[in-house]
PDB file of N, CA and C in Angstrom:
ATOM      1  N   MET A   1     143.534  75.023 169.115  1.00  0.00           N
ATOM      2  CA  MET A   1     143.950  76.449 169.227  1.00  0.00           C
ATOM      3  C   MET A   1     143.594  77.272 170.312  1.00  0.00           C
ATOM      4  N   LEU A   2     144.338  78.245 170.324  1.00  0.00           N
ATOM      5  CA  LEU A   2     144.337  79.065 171.576  1.00  0.00           C
ATOM      6  C   LEU A   2     144.281  80.612 171.011  1.00  0.00           C
ATOM      7  N   ILE A   3     143.213  81.171 171.159  1.00  0.00           N
ATOM      8  CA  ILE A   3     143.221  82.678 170.845  1.00  0.00           C
ATOM      9  C   ILE A   3     143.188  83.683 171.922  1.00  0.00           C
ATOM     10  N   LYS A   4     143.926  84.693 172.109  1.00  0.00           N
ATOM     11  CA  LYS A   4     144.218  85.577 173.119  1.00  0.00           C
ATOM     12  C   LYS A   4     143.881  87.035 172.630  1.00  0.00           C
ATOM     13  N   ASP A   5     142.914  87.377 173.323  1.00  0.00           N
ATOM     14  CA  ASP A   5     142.514  89.055 172.699  1.00  0.00           C
ATOM     15  C   ASP A   5     143.535  89.690 172.943  1.00  0.00           C
ATOM     16  N   THR A   6     143.584  91.008 172.097  1.00  0.00           N
ATOM     17  CA  THR A   6     144.737  91.625 171.955  1.00  0.00           C
ATOM     18  C   THR A   6     144.623  92.808 172.988  1.00  0.00           C
ATOM     19  N   GLN A   7     143.464  93.081 173.624  1.00  0.00           N
ATOM     20  CA  GLN A   7     143.287  93.925 174.687  1.00  0.00           C
ATOM     21  C   GLN A   7     143.127  93.112 176.056  1.00  0.00           C
ATOM     22  N   GLY A   8     143.290  91.783 176.070  1.00  0.00           N
ATOM     23  CA  GLY A   8     143.244  91.098 177.346  1.00  0.00           C
ATOM     24  C   GLY A   8     141.958  90.741 177.717  1.00  0.00           C
ATOM     25  N   LYS A   9     140.730  90.931 177.008  1.00  0.00           N
ATOM     26  CA  LYS A   9     139.509  90.845 177.525  1.00  0.00           C
ATOM     27  C   LYS A   9     138.873  89.466 177.294  1.00  0.00           C
ATOM     28  N   TYR A  10     139.296  88.489 176.554  1.00  0.00           N
ATOM     29  CA  TYR A  10     139.058  86.992 176.352  1.00  0.00           C
ATOM     30  C   TYR A  10     140.100  86.124 175.926  1.00  0.00           C
ATOM     31  N   GLU A  11     140.036  85.008 176.181  1.00  0.00           N
ATOM     32  CA  GLU A  11     140.714  83.775 175.776  1.00  0.00           C
ATOM     33  C   GLU A  11     139.802  82.589 175.281  1.00  0.00           C
ATOM     34  N   ILE A  12     140.226  82.238 173.958  1.00  0.00           N
ATOM     35  CA  ILE A  12     139.408  81.081 173.500  1.00  0.00           C
ATOM     36  C   ILE A  12     140.125  79.926 173.027  1.00  0.00           C
ATOM     37  N   LYS A  13     139.938  79.041 173.743  1.00  0.00           N
ATOM     38  CA  LYS A  13     140.446  77.595 173.315  1.00  0.00           C
ATOM     39  C   LYS A  13     139.385  76.578 172.590  1.00  0.00           C
ATOM     40  N   VAL A  14     139.654  76.313 171.295  1.00  0.00           N
ATOM     41  CA  VAL A  14     139.215  75.308 170.898  1.00  0.00           C
ATOM     42  C   VAL A  14     139.511  74.119 170.911  1.00  0.00           C
ATOM     43  N   ASP A  15     138.674  73.061 171.030  1.00  0.00           N
ATOM     44  CA  ASP A  15     138.933  71.689 170.787  1.00  0.00           C
ATOM     45  C   ASP A  15     138.267  71.322 169.449  1.00  0.00           C
ATOM     46  N   LYS A  16     138.807  71.086 168.631  1.00  0.00           N
ATOM     47  CA  LYS A  16     138.250  71.071 167.197  1.00  0.00           C
ATOM     48  C   LYS A  16     137.648  69.720 167.378  1.00  0.00           C
ATOM     49  N   GLN A  17     138.349  68.461 167.787  1.00  0.00           N
ATOM     50  CA  GLN A  17     138.173  67.024 167.398  1.00  0.00           C
ATOM     51  C   GLN A  17     136.425  67.198 168.349  1.00  0.00           C
ATOM     52  N   ARG A  18     136.586  67.563 169.570  1.00  0.00           N
ATOM     53  CA  ARG A  18     135.300  67.349 170.225  1.00  0.00           C
ATOM     54  C   ARG A  18     133.998  68.495 169.667  1.00  0.00           C
ATOM     55  N   ARG A  19     134.606  69.339 169.092  1.00  0.00           N
ATOM     56  CA  ARG A  19     133.737  70.644 168.693  1.00  0.00           C
ATOM     57  C   ARG A  19     133.213  71.477 169.976  1.00  0.00           C
ATOM     58  N   VAL A  20     134.239  71.576 170.830  1.00  0.00           N
ATOM     59  CA  VAL A  20     133.888  72.578 171.977  1.00  0.00           C
ATOM     60  C   VAL A  20     134.918  73.725 171.839  1.00  0.00           C
ATOM     61  N   ILE A  21     134.250  74.927 172.290  1.00  0.00           N
ATOM     62  CA  ILE A  21     134.802  76.161 172.246  1.00  0.00           C
ATOM     63  C   ILE A  21     134.880  76.624 173.817  1.00  0.00           C
ATOM     64  N   TYR A  22     136.106  76.634 174.337  1.00  0.00           N
ATOM     65  CA  TYR A  22     136.086  77.302 175.840  1.00  0.00           C
ATOM     66  C   TYR A  22     136.307  78.620 175.484  1.00  0.00           C
ATOM     67  N   GLU A  23     135.717  79.214 176.508  1.00  0.00           N
ATOM     68  CA  GLU A  23     135.849  81.004 176.478  1.00  0.00           C
ATOM     69  C   GLU A  23     135.895  81.252 177.772  1.00  0.00           C
ATOM     70  N   ARG A  24     136.787  82.269 177.781  1.00  0.00           N
ATOM     71  CA  ARG A  24     137.092  82.953 179.399  1.00  0.00           C
ATOM     72  C   ARG A  24     136.940  84.281 178.849  1.00  0.00           C
ATOM     73  N   CYS A  25     136.087  85.156 179.697  1.00  0.00           N
ATOM     74  CA  CYS A  25     135.844  86.521 179.631  1.00  0.00           C
ATOM     75  C   CYS A  25     136.262  87.184 180.737  1.00  0.00           C
ATOM     76  N   ILE A  26     137.133  88.150 180.563  1.00  0.00           N
ATOM     77  CA  ILE A  26     137.892  88.979 181.789  1.00  0.00           C
ATOM     78  C   ILE A  26     137.549  90.337 181.897  1.00  0.00           C
ATOM     79  N   GLY A  27     137.090  90.878 183.097  1.00  0.00           N
ATOM     80  CA  GLY A  27     136.576  91.982 183.468  1.00  0.00           C
ATOM     81  C   GLY A  27     135.495  92.546 182.739  1.00  0.00           C
ATOM     82  N   LEU A  28     135.377  93.998 182.679  1.00  0.00           N
ATOM     83  CA  LEU A  28     134.434  94.768 182.154  1.00  0.00           C
ATOM     84  C   LEU A  28     134.548  94.588 180.622  1.00  0.00           C
ATOM     85  N   LEU A  29     133.485  94.153 179.776  1.00  0.00           N
ATOM     86  CA  LEU A  29     133.348  94.216 178.599  1.00  0.00           C
ATOM     87  C   LEU A  29     132.996  95.349 177.795  1.00  0.00           C
ATOM     88  N   LYS A  30     133.294  95.992 176.873  1.00  0.00           N
ATOM     89  CA  LYS A  30     132.665  97.289 176.103  1.00  0.00           C
ATOM     90  C   LYS A  30     132.113  96.560 174.642  1.00  0.00           C
ATOM     91  N   GLU A  31     131.365  97.212 174.082  1.00  0.00           N
ATOM     92  CA  GLU A  31     131.095  96.890 172.779  1.00  0.00           C
ATOM     93  C   GLU A  31     132.144  96.263 171.635  1.00  0.00           C
ATOM     94  N   GLU A  32     133.300  97.308 171.602  1.00  0.00           N
ATOM     95  CA  GLU A  32     134.290  96.667 170.562  1.00  0.00           C
ATOM     96  C   GLU A  32     135.011  95.462 171.168  1.00  0.00           C
ATOM     97  N   ASP A  33     134.844  95.319 172.599  1.00  0.00           N
ATOM     98  CA  ASP A  33     135.257  94.043 172.833  1.00  0.00           C
ATOM     99  C   ASP A  33     134.595  92.740 172.382  1.00  0.00           C
ATOM    100  N   THR A  34     133.313  92.952 172.399  1.00  0.00           N
ATOM    101  CA  THR A  34     132.439  91.832 172.074  1.00  0.00           C
ATOM    102  C   THR A  34     132.252  91.722 170.638  1.00  0.00           C
ATOM    103  N   GLN A  35     132.699  92.819 169.809  1.00  0.00           N
ATOM    104  CA  GLN A  35     132.844  92.649 168.208  1.00  0.00           C
ATOM    105  C   GLN A  35     134.178  92.035 167.930  1.00  0.00           C
ATOM    106  N   ARG A  36     135.193  92.299 168.687  1.00  0.00           N
ATOM    107  CA  ARG A  36     136.320  91.508 168.418  1.00  0.00           C
ATOM    108  C   ARG A  36     136.214  89.841 168.790  1.00  0.00           C
ATOM    109  N   LEU A  37     135.581  89.887 169.818  1.00  0.00           N
ATOM    110  CA  LEU A  37     135.196  88.380 170.015  1.00  0.00           C
ATOM    111  C   LEU A  37     134.345  87.510 169.134  1.00  0.00           C
ATOM    112  N   HIS A  38     133.248  88.564 168.433  1.00  0.00           N
ATOM    113  CA  HIS A  38     132.425  87.885 167.378  1.00  0.00           C
ATOM    114  C   HIS A  38     133.241  87.685 166.238  1.00  0.00           C
ATOM    115  N   ASN A  39     134.186  88.470 165.884  1.00  0.00           N
ATOM    116  CA  ASN A  39     134.981  88.218 164.670  1.00  0.00           C
ATOM    117  C   ASN A  39     135.586  87.099 164.743  1.00  0.00           C
ATOM    118  N   GLU A  40     136.321  86.627 165.846  1.00  0.00           N
ATOM    119  CA  GLU A  40     137.055  85.533 165.956  1.00  0.00           C
ATOM    120  C   GLU A  40     136.273  84.408 165.659  1.00  0.00           C
ATOM    121  N   TYR A  41     135.018  84.362 166.172  1.00  0.00           N
ATOM    122  CA  TYR A  41     134.009  83.301 165.826  1.00  0.00           C
ATOM    123  C   TYR A  41     133.817  83.156 164.257  1.00  0.00           C
ATOM    124  N   MET A  42     133.498  84.363 163.824  1.00  0.00           N
ATOM    125  CA  MET A  42     132.962  84.386 162.209  1.00  0.00           C
ATOM    126  C   MET A  42     134.436  83.943 161.582  1.00  0.00           C
ATOM    127  N   LYS A  43     135.612  84.434 161.636  1.00  0.00           N
ATOM    128  CA  LYS A  43     136.591  84.234 160.857  1.00  0.00           C
ATOM    129  C   LYS A  43     137.853  83.148 161.346  1.00  0.00           C
ATOM    130  N   LYS A  44     137.808  82.802 162.393  1.00  0.00           N
ATOM    131  CA  LYS A  44     138.866  81.512 163.146  1.00  0.00           C
ATOM    132  C   LYS A  44     138.222  80.552 163.200  1.00  0.00           C
ATOM    133  N   ILE A  45     137.074  80.484 163.831  1.00  0.00           N
ATOM    134  CA  ILE A  45     136.431  79.238 164.882  1.00  0.00           C
ATOM    135  C   ILE A  45     135.483  78.660 163.894  1.00  0.00           C
ATOM    136  N   VAL A  46     134.204  79.000 163.569  1.00  0.00           N
ATOM    137  CA  VAL A  46     133.262  78.495 163.550  1.00  0.00           C
ATOM    138  C   VAL A  46     133.516  77.548 162.017  1.00  0.00           C
ATOM    139  N   PRO A  47     134.437  78.091 161.011  1.00  0.00           N
ATOM    140  CA  PRO A  47     134.708  77.383 159.892  1.00  0.00           C
ATOM    141  C   PRO A  47     135.603  76.264 160.028  1.00  0.00           C
ATOM    142  N   LEU A  48     136.229  76.263 161.330  1.00  0.00           N
ATOM    143  CA  LEU A  48     137.028  74.696 161.698  1.00  0.00           C
ATOM    144  C   LEU A  48     135.960  73.662 161.598  1.00  0.00           C
ATOM    145  N   PHE A  49     134.666  73.910 161.915  1.00  0.00           N
ATOM    146  CA  PHE A  49     133.629  72.836 162.204  1.00  0.00           C
ATOM    147  C   PHE A  49     133.138  72.318 160.931  1.00  0.00           C
ATOM    148  N   ASN A  50     133.097  72.996 159.924  1.00  0.00           N
ATOM    149  CA  ASN A  50     132.746  72.484 158.594  1.00  0.00           C
ATOM    150  C   ASN A  50     131.095  72.137 158.604  1.00  0.00           C
ATOM    151  N   GLY A  51     130.445  73.197 159.346  1.00  0.00           N
ATOM    152  CA  GLY A  51     129.115  73.090 159.287  1.00  0.00           C
ATOM    153  C   GLY A  51     128.486  71.999 160.271  1.00  0.00           C
ATOM    154  N   LYS A  52     129.251  71.466 161.334  1.00  0.00           N
ATOM    155  CA  LYS A  52     128.988  70.437 162.089  1.00  0.00           C
ATOM    156  C   LYS A  52     128.399  71.127 163.516  1.00  0.00           C
ATOM    157  N   SER A  53     127.508  70.563 164.300  1.00  0.00           N
ATOM    158  CA  SER A  53     127.027  71.144 165.613  1.00  0.00           C
ATOM    159  C   SER A  53     128.395  71.655 166.523  1.00  0.00           C
ATOM    160  N   TRP A  54     128.196  72.171 167.395  1.00  0.00           N
ATOM    161  CA  TRP A  54     129.320  72.397 168.219  1.00  0.00           C
ATOM    162  C   TRP A  54     128.656  73.007 169.681  1.00  0.00           C
ATOM    163  N   ALA A  55     129.544  72.916 170.584  1.00  0.00           N
ATOM    164  CA  ALA A  55     129.047  73.661 172.030  1.00  0.00           C
ATOM    165  C   ALA A  55     130.156  74.557 172.489  1.00  0.00           C
ATOM    166  N   LYS A  56     129.456  75.326 173.385  1.00  0.00           N
ATOM    167  CA  LYS A  56     130.420  76.550 174.090  1.00  0.00           C
ATOM    168  C   LYS A  56     130.395  76.347 175.551  1.00  0.00           C
ATOM    169  N   CYS A  57     131.513  76.487 176.363  1.00  0.00           N
ATOM    170  CA  CYS A  57     131.632  76.670 177.383  1.00  0.00           C
ATOM    171  C   CYS A  57     132.167  77.952 178.069  1.00  0.00           C
ATOM    172  N   SER A  58     131.503  78.699 178.609  1.00  0.00           N
ATOM    173  CA  SER A  58     132.076  79.887 178.629  1.00  0.00           C
ATOM    174  C   SER A  58     132.398  80.015 180.306  1.00  0.00           C
ATOM    175  N   ASP A  59     133.771  80.282 180.695  1.00  0.00           N
ATOM    176  CA  ASP A  59     134.253  80.548 182.072  1.00  0.00           C
ATOM    177  C   ASP A  59     133.843  81.906 182.237  1.00  0.00           C
ATOM    178  N   LEU A  60     132.873  82.606 183.296  1.00  0.00           N
ATOM    179  CA  LEU A  60     132.629  83.756 183.461  1.00  0.00           C
ATOM    180  C   LEU A  60     132.942  84.282 184.948  1.00  0.00           C
ATOM    181  N   ARG A  61     133.974  83.532 185.580  1.00  0.00           N
ATOM    182  CA  ARG A  61     134.256  83.625 186.537  1.00  0.00           C
ATOM    183  C   ARG A  61     135.178  85.100 187.118  1.00  0.00           C
ATOM    184  N   ASN A  62     135.797  85.662 186.146  1.00  0.00           N
ATOM    185  CA  ASN A  62     136.646  86.779 185.929  1.00  0.00           C
ATOM    186  C   ASN A  62     135.735  87.859 185.192  1.00  0.00           C
ATOM    187  N   TYR A  63     134.560  87.599 184.753  1.00  0.00           N
ATOM    188  CA  TYR A  63     133.718  88.662 183.944  1.00  0.00           C
ATOM    189  C   TYR A  63     133.020  89.674 184.975  1.00  0.00           C
ATOM    190  N   LYS A  64     133.171  90.894 184.513  1.00  0.00           N
ATOM    191  CA  LYS A  64     132.153  91.427 185.240  1.00  0.00           C
ATOM    192  C   LYS A  64     130.684  91.984 184.461  1.00  0.00           C
ATOM    193  N   THR A  65     129.782  91.811 185.274  1.00  0.00           N
ATOM    194  CA  THR A  65     128.461  92.415 184.325  1.00  0.00           C
ATOM    195  C   THR A  65     128.690  93.786 183.594  1.00  0.00           C
ATOM    196  N   SER A  66     128.544  93.468 182.351  1.00  0.00           N
ATOM    197  CA  SER A  66     128.629  94.734 181.409  1.00  0.00           C
ATOM    198  C   SER A  66     127.400  94.972 180.567  1.00  0.00           C
ATOM    199  N   THR A  67     127.494  96.171 179.984  1.00  0.00           N
ATOM    200  CA  THR A  67     126.331  96.538 179.422  1.00  0.00           C
ATOM    201  C   THR A  67     126.423  95.867 177.863  1.00  0.00           C
ATOM    202  N   VAL A  68     126.500  95.025 177.681  1.00  0.00           N
ATOM    203  CA  VAL A  68     126.814  94.343 176.142  1.00  0.00           C
ATOM    204  C   VAL A  68     125.550  93.550 175.995  1.00  0.00           C
ATOM    205  N   VAL A  69     124.565  93.269 176.649  1.00  0.00           N
ATOM    206  CA  VAL A  69     123.275  92.338 176.456  1.00  0.00           C
ATOM    207  C   VAL A  69     122.982  92.300 174.821  1.00  0.00           C
ATOM    208  N   ASP A  70     123.005  93.524 174.234  1.00  0.00           N
ATOM    209  CA  ASP A  70     122.339  93.418 172.941  1.00  0.00           C
ATOM    210  C   ASP A  70     123.401  93.027 172.055  1.00  0.00           C
ATOM    211  N   ALA A  71     124.819  93.438 172.037  1.00  0.00           N
ATOM    212  CA  ALA A  71     126.019  92.839 171.238  1.00  0.00           C
ATOM    213  C   ALA A  71     126.162  91.121 171.480  1.00  0.00           C
ATOM    214  N   MET A  72     125.582  90.836 172.909  1.00  0.00           N
ATOM    215  CA  MET A  72     126.076  89.465 172.953  1.00  0.00           C
ATOM    216  C   MET A  72     124.718  88.826 172.467  1.00  0.00           C
ATOM    217  N   ASN A  73     123.770  89.448 172.486  1.00  0.00           N
ATOM    218  CA  ASN A  73     122.729  88.417 172.031  1.00  0.00           C
ATOM    219  C   ASN A  73     122.689  88.246 170.547  1.00  0.00           C
ATOM    220  N   THR A  74     123.049  89.310 170.117  1.00  0.00           N
ATOM    221  CA  THR A  74     123.282  89.014 168.396  1.00  0.00           C
ATOM    222  C   THR A  74     124.335  88.050 168.069  1.00  0.00           C
ATOM    223  N   HIS A  75     125.411  88.150 168.891  1.00  0.00           N
ATOM    224  CA  HIS A  75     126.397  87.034 168.931  1.00  0.00           C
ATOM    225  C   HIS A  75     125.860  85.557 168.871  1.00  0.00           C
ATOM    226  N   ILE A  76     124.991  85.526 169.998  1.00  0.00           N
ATOM    227  CA  ILE A  76     124.718  84.220 170.518  1.00  0.00           C
ATOM    228  C   ILE A  76     123.621  83.567 169.443  1.00  0.00           C
ATOM    229  N   ASN A  77     122.843  84.573 168.941  1.00  0.00           N
ATOM    230  CA  ASN A  77     121.901  84.100 167.626  1.00  0.00           C
ATOM    231  C   ASN A  77     122.958  83.925 166.703  1.00  0.00           C
ATOM    232  N   TRP A  78     123.651  84.416 166.339  1.00  0.00           N
ATOM    233  CA  TRP A  78     124.795  84.299 164.960  1.00  0.00           C
ATOM    234  C   TRP A  78     124.928  82.610 165.276  1.00  0.00           C
ATOM    235  N   CYS A  79     125.844  82.239 166.361  1.00  0.00           N
ATOM    236  CA  CYS A  79     126.189  81.290 166.858  1.00  0.00           C
ATOM    237  C   CYS A  79     125.359  80.167 166.701  1.00  0.00           C
ATOM    238  N   GLU A  80     124.073  80.274 166.963  1.00  0.00           N
ATOM    239  CA  GLU A  80     123.191  79.294 166.984  1.00  0.00           C
ATOM    240  C   GLU A  80     122.968  78.937 165.442  1.00  0.00           C
ATOM    241  N   GLN A  81     122.812  79.889 164.582  1.00  0.00           N
ATOM    242  CA  GLN A  81     122.609  80.016 163.581  1.00  0.00           C
ATOM    243  C   GLN A  81     123.960  79.215 162.694  1.00  0.00           C
ATOM    244  N   HIS A  82     124.891  79.102 163.063  1.00  0.00           N
ATOM    245  CA  HIS A  82     125.842  78.562 162.839  1.00  0.00           C
ATOM    246  C   HIS A  82     126.565  77.140 163.272  1.00  0.00           C
ATOM    247  N   GLY A  83     125.460  76.441 164.029  1.00  0.00           N
ATOM    248  CA  GLY A  83     125.817  75.256 164.581  1.00  0.00           C
ATOM    249  C   GLY A  83     126.022  75.265 166.127  1.00  0.00           C
ATOM    250  N   LEU A  84     125.759  76.087 166.654  1.00  0.00           N
ATOM    251  CA  LEU A  84     125.831  76.155 168.433  1.00  0.00           C
ATOM    252  C   LEU A  84     124.635  75.430 168.733  1.00  0.00           C
ATOM    253  N   VAL A  85     124.630  74.352 169.381  1.00  0.00           N
ATOM    254  CA  VAL A  85     123.450  73.610 170.040  1.00  0.00           C
ATOM    255  C   VAL A  85     123.228  73.364 171.375  1.00  0.00           C
ATOM    256  N   THR A  86     124.259  73.640 172.156  1.00  0.00           N
ATOM    257  CA  THR A  86     124.145  73.847 173.563  1.00  0.00           C
ATOM    258  C   THR A  86     125.466  74.479 174.053  1.00  0.00           C
ATOM    259  N   GLY A  87     125.267  75.114 175.484  1.00  0.00           N
ATOM    260  CA  GLY A  87     126.398  75.623 176.210  1.00  0.00           C
ATOM    261  C   GLY A  87     126.197  75.448 177.667  1.00  0.00           C
ATOM    262  N   ALA A  88     127.352  75.608 178.306  1.00  0.00           N
ATOM    263  CA  ALA A  88     127.700  75.573 179.646  1.00  0.00           C
ATOM    264  C   ALA A  88     128.443  76.932 179.982  1.00  0.00           C
ATOM    265  N   ILE A  89     127.985  77.472 181.289  1.00  0.00           N
ATOM    266  CA  ILE A  89     128.703  78.690 181.846  1.00  0.00           C
ATOM    267  C   ILE A  89     129.130  78.207 183.301  1.00  0.00           C
ATOM    268  N   ILE A  90     130.274  78.864 183.721  1.00  0.00           N
ATOM    269  CA  ILE A  90     130.811  78.718 184.883  1.00  0.00           C
ATOM    270  C   ILE A  90     130.859  80.039 185.457  1.00  0.00           C
ATOM    271  N   VAL A  91     130.041  80.123 186.522  1.00  0.00           N
ATOM    272  CA  VAL A  91     129.705  81.406 187.212  1.00  0.00           C
ATOM    273  C   VAL A  91     130.002  81.152 188.625  1.00  0.00           C
ATOM    274  N   ASP A  92     130.095  82.345 189.491  1.00  0.00           N
ATOM    275  CA  ASP A  92     130.359  82.344 190.882  1.00  0.00           C
ATOM    276  C   ASP A  92     129.349  83.410 191.354  1.00  0.00           C
ATOM    277  N   GLN A  93     128.770  84.068 190.556  1.00  0.00           N
ATOM    278  CA  GLN A  93     127.881  85.411 191.180  1.00  0.00           C
ATOM    279  C   GLN A  93     126.697  85.162 190.302  1.00  0.00           C
ATOM    280  N   MET A  94     125.494  85.275 191.166  1.00  0.00           N
ATOM    281  CA  MET A  94     124.311  85.131 190.749  1.00  0.00           C
ATOM    282  C   MET A  94     123.967  86.356 189.654  1.00  0.00           C
ATOM    283  N   ILE A  95     124.596  87.514 189.732  1.00  0.00           N
ATOM    284  CA  ILE A  95     124.525  88.642 188.641  1.00  0.00           C
ATOM    285  C   ILE A  95     124.549  88.142 187.401  1.00  0.00           C
ATOM    286  N   VAL A  96     125.673  87.605 187.335  1.00  0.00           N
ATOM    287  CA  VAL A  96     126.316  87.158 186.270  1.00  0.00           C
ATOM    288  C   VAL A  96     125.475  86.397 185.530  1.00  0.00           C
ATOM    289  N   LYS A  97     124.742  85.213 186.193  1.00  0.00           N
ATOM    290  CA  LYS A  97     123.881  84.172 185.635  1.00  0.00           C
ATOM    291  C   LYS A  97     122.691  84.506 185.135  1.00  0.00           C
ATOM    292  N   MET A  98     122.110  85.763 185.908  1.00  0.00           N
ATOM    293  CA  MET A  98     120.953  86.315 185.481  1.00  0.00           C
ATOM    294  C   MET A  98     121.402  87.127 184.327  1.00  0.00           C
ATOM    295  N   GLN A  99     122.403  87.853 183.936  1.00  0.00           N
ATOM    296  CA  GLN A  99     122.685  88.365 182.794  1.00  0.00           C
ATOM    297  C   GLN A  99     122.684  87.508 181.662  1.00  0.00           C
ATOM    298  N   MET A 100     123.429  86.460 181.873  1.00  0.00           N
ATOM    299  CA  MET A 100     123.569  85.451 180.882  1.00  0.00           C
ATOM    300  C   MET A 100     122.086  85.176 180.427  1.00  0.00           C
ATOM    301  N   ASN A 101     121.192  84.701 181.437  1.00  0.00           N
ATOM    302  CA  ASN A 101     119.933  84.357 181.112  1.00  0.00           C
ATOM    303  C   ASN A 101     119.366  85.299 180.114  1.00  0.00           C
ATOM    304  N   ARG A 102     119.382  86.512 180.144  1.00  0.00           N
ATOM    305  CA  ARG A 102     118.739  87.764 179.759  1.00  0.00           C
ATOM    306  C   ARG A 102     119.342  87.561 178.060  1.00  0.00           C
ATOM    307  N   VAL A 103     120.503  87.276 178.228  1.00  0.00           N
ATOM    308  CA  VAL A 103     121.510  87.267 176.736  1.00  0.00           C
ATOM    309  C   VAL A 103     120.759  86.220 175.933  1.00  0.00           C
ATOM    310  N   SER A 104     120.436  85.269 176.609  1.00  0.00           N
ATOM    311  CA  SER A 104     120.260  84.013 175.897  1.00  0.00           C
ATOM    312  C   SER A 104     118.760  83.655 176.035  1.00  0.00           C
ATOM    313  N   LYS A 105     117.975  84.199 176.281  1.00  0.00           N
ATOM    314  CA  LYS A 105     116.440  84.441 176.217  1.00  0.00           C
ATOM    315  C   LYS A 105     115.795  83.848 175.234  1.00  0.00           C
ATOM    316  N   ASN A 106     116.288  84.019 174.072  1.00  0.00           N
ATOM    317  CA  ASN A 106     115.581  83.677 172.702  1.00  0.00           C
ATOM    318  C   ASN A 106     116.343  82.692 171.855  1.00  0.00           C
ATOM    319  N   THR A 107     117.458  82.151 172.644  1.00  0.00           N
ATOM    320  CA  THR A 107     118.436  81.258 171.819  1.00  0.00           C
ATOM    321  C   THR A 107     118.603  79.993 172.748  1.00  0.00           C
ATOM    322  N   VAL A 108     119.640  79.195 172.477  1.00  0.00           N
ATOM    323  CA  VAL A 108     120.262  78.437 173.537  1.00  0.00           C
ATOM    324  C   VAL A 108     120.281  78.761 174.684  1.00  0.00           C
ATOM    325  N   GLN A 109     119.783  77.965 175.808  1.00  0.00           N
ATOM    326  CA  GLN A 109     119.981  78.358 177.442  1.00  0.00           C
ATOM    327  C   GLN A 109     121.103  77.686 177.817  1.00  0.00           C
ATOM    328  N   PRO A 110     121.827  78.049 178.385  1.00  0.00           N
ATOM    329  CA  PRO A 110     123.062  77.891 179.022  1.00  0.00           C
ATOM    330  C   PRO A 110     122.738  77.146 180.247  1.00  0.00           C
ATOM    331  N   THR A 111     123.461  75.977 180.489  1.00  0.00           N
ATOM    332  CA  THR A 111     123.379  75.251 181.710  1.00  0.00           C
ATOM    333  C   THR A 111     124.593  75.868 182.953  1.00  0.00           C
ATOM    334  N   ALA A 112     124.198  76.334 184.027  1.00  0.00           N
ATOM    335  CA  ALA A 112     125.088  76.993 185.100  1.00  0.00           C
ATOM    336  C   ALA A 112     126.125  75.879 185.718  1.00  0.00           C
ATOM    337  N   PHE A 113     127.254  75.986 185.895  1.00  0.00           N
ATOM    338  CA  PHE A 113     128.159  75.155 186.637  1.00  0.00           C
ATOM    339  C   PHE A 113     128.827  76.039 187.616  1.00  0.00           C
ATOM    340  N   LYS A 114     129.790  75.250 188.619  1.00  0.00           N
ATOM    341  CA  LYS A 114     130.947  76.228 189.378  1.00  0.00           C
ATOM    342  C   LYS A 114     131.976  76.058 189.061  1.00  0.00           C
ATOM    343  N   SER A 115     132.170  74.946 188.151  1.00  0.00           N
ATOM    344  CA  SER A 115     133.600  74.554 187.755  1.00  0.00           C
ATOM    345  C   SER A 115     133.895  74.100 186.535  1.00  0.00           C
ATOM    346  N   VAL A 116     134.905  74.165 185.675  1.00  0.00           N
ATOM    347  CA  VAL A 116     135.131  73.841 184.357  1.00  0.00           C
ATOM    348  C   VAL A 116     134.925  72.199 184.254  1.00  0.00           C
ATOM    349  N   GLU A 117     135.214  71.750 185.513  1.00  0.00           N
ATOM    350  CA  GLU A 117     135.237  70.214 185.526  1.00  0.00           C
ATOM    351  C   GLU A 117     133.938  69.760 185.095  1.00  0.00           C
ATOM    352  N   GLU A 118     133.123  70.068 186.082  1.00  0.00           N
ATOM    353  CA  GLU A 118     131.664  69.825 186.027  1.00  0.00           C
ATOM    354  C   GLU A 118     130.954  70.274 184.894  1.00  0.00           C
ATOM    355  N   ALA A 119     131.249  71.314 184.090  1.00  0.00           N
ATOM    356  CA  ALA A 119     130.706  71.831 182.680  1.00  0.00           C
ATOM    357  C   ALA A 119     131.409  70.604 181.865  1.00  0.00           C
ATOM    358  N   ASP A 120     132.523  70.589 181.624  1.00  0.00           N
ATOM    359  CA  ASP A 120     133.056  69.606 180.710  1.00  0.00           C
ATOM    360  C   ASP A 120     132.404  68.221 181.039  1.00  0.00           C
ATOM    361  N   LYS A 121     132.272  67.612 182.081  1.00  0.00           N
ATOM    362  CA  LYS A 121     131.695  66.359 182.286  1.00  0.00           C
ATOM    363  C   LYS A 121     130.372  66.566 181.587  1.00  0.00           C
ATOM    364  N   TRP A 122     129.680  67.561 181.957  1.00  0.00           N
ATOM    365  CA  TRP A 122     128.020  67.629 181.229  1.00  0.00           C
ATOM    366  C   TRP A 122     128.001  67.698 179.837  1.00  0.00           C
ATOM    367  N   LEU A 123     129.190  68.447 179.213  1.00  0.00           N
ATOM    368  CA  LEU A 123     129.284  68.595 177.938  1.00  0.00           C
ATOM    369  C   LEU A 123     129.698  67.171 177.306  1.00  0.00           C
ATOM    370  N   LYS A 124     130.392  66.432 178.023  1.00  0.00           N
ATOM    371  CA  LYS A 124     130.579  65.069 177.457  1.00  0.00           C
ATOM    372  C   LYS A 124     129.248  64.248 177.544  1.00  0.00           C
ATOM    373  N   GLU A 125     128.402  64.359 178.508  1.00  0.00           N
ATOM    374  CA  GLU A 125     127.145  63.711 178.617  1.00  0.00           C
ATOM    375  C   GLU A 125     126.367  64.234 177.525  1.00  0.00           C
ATOM    376  N   GLN A 126     126.420  65.255 176.814  1.00  0.00           N
ATOM    377  CA  GLN A 126     125.561  65.963 175.998  1.00  0.00           C
ATOM    378  C   GLN A 126     125.923  65.351 174.686  1.00  0.00           C
ATOM    379  N   GLY A 127     127.138  64.632 174.415  1.00  0.00           N
ATOM    380  CA  GLY A 127     127.606  64.396 173.237  1.00  0.00           C
ATOM    381  C   GLY A 127     129.061  64.863 172.688  1.00  0.00           C
ATOM    382  N   PHE A 128     129.646  66.040 173.585  1.00  0.00           N
ATOM    383  CA  PHE A 128     130.493  67.051 173.084  1.00  0.00           C
ATOM    384  C   PHE A 128     131.833  66.613 173.754  1.00  0.00           C
TER     385      PHE A 128
END
């Protein structure tokens, strides 16, 4: 399954068999962008896993540091309550990595990588 945001701010690819969500955030996000993203998870994605655990791989190389920390923290908390057990982030800027660590300080801590291939290999080692 591939979901593309109507405003072009994210793309989400779901590997239902492996229970891995590949998410790519694009540009500067606003509160309404994060709400649309969260709604995709609530209505379309998480129900696919039937209560089983799942993992997320977020490609943040085209993401710009945004003032959405609270909204993303709420999203990650919800995800964790609905089966998220581990996550990988692909980053090429330290500031983005620092923001993601702030977002997830009370939840699942993402492991940072420089490529999708490295992240995917790690997710397979984690059982996903």
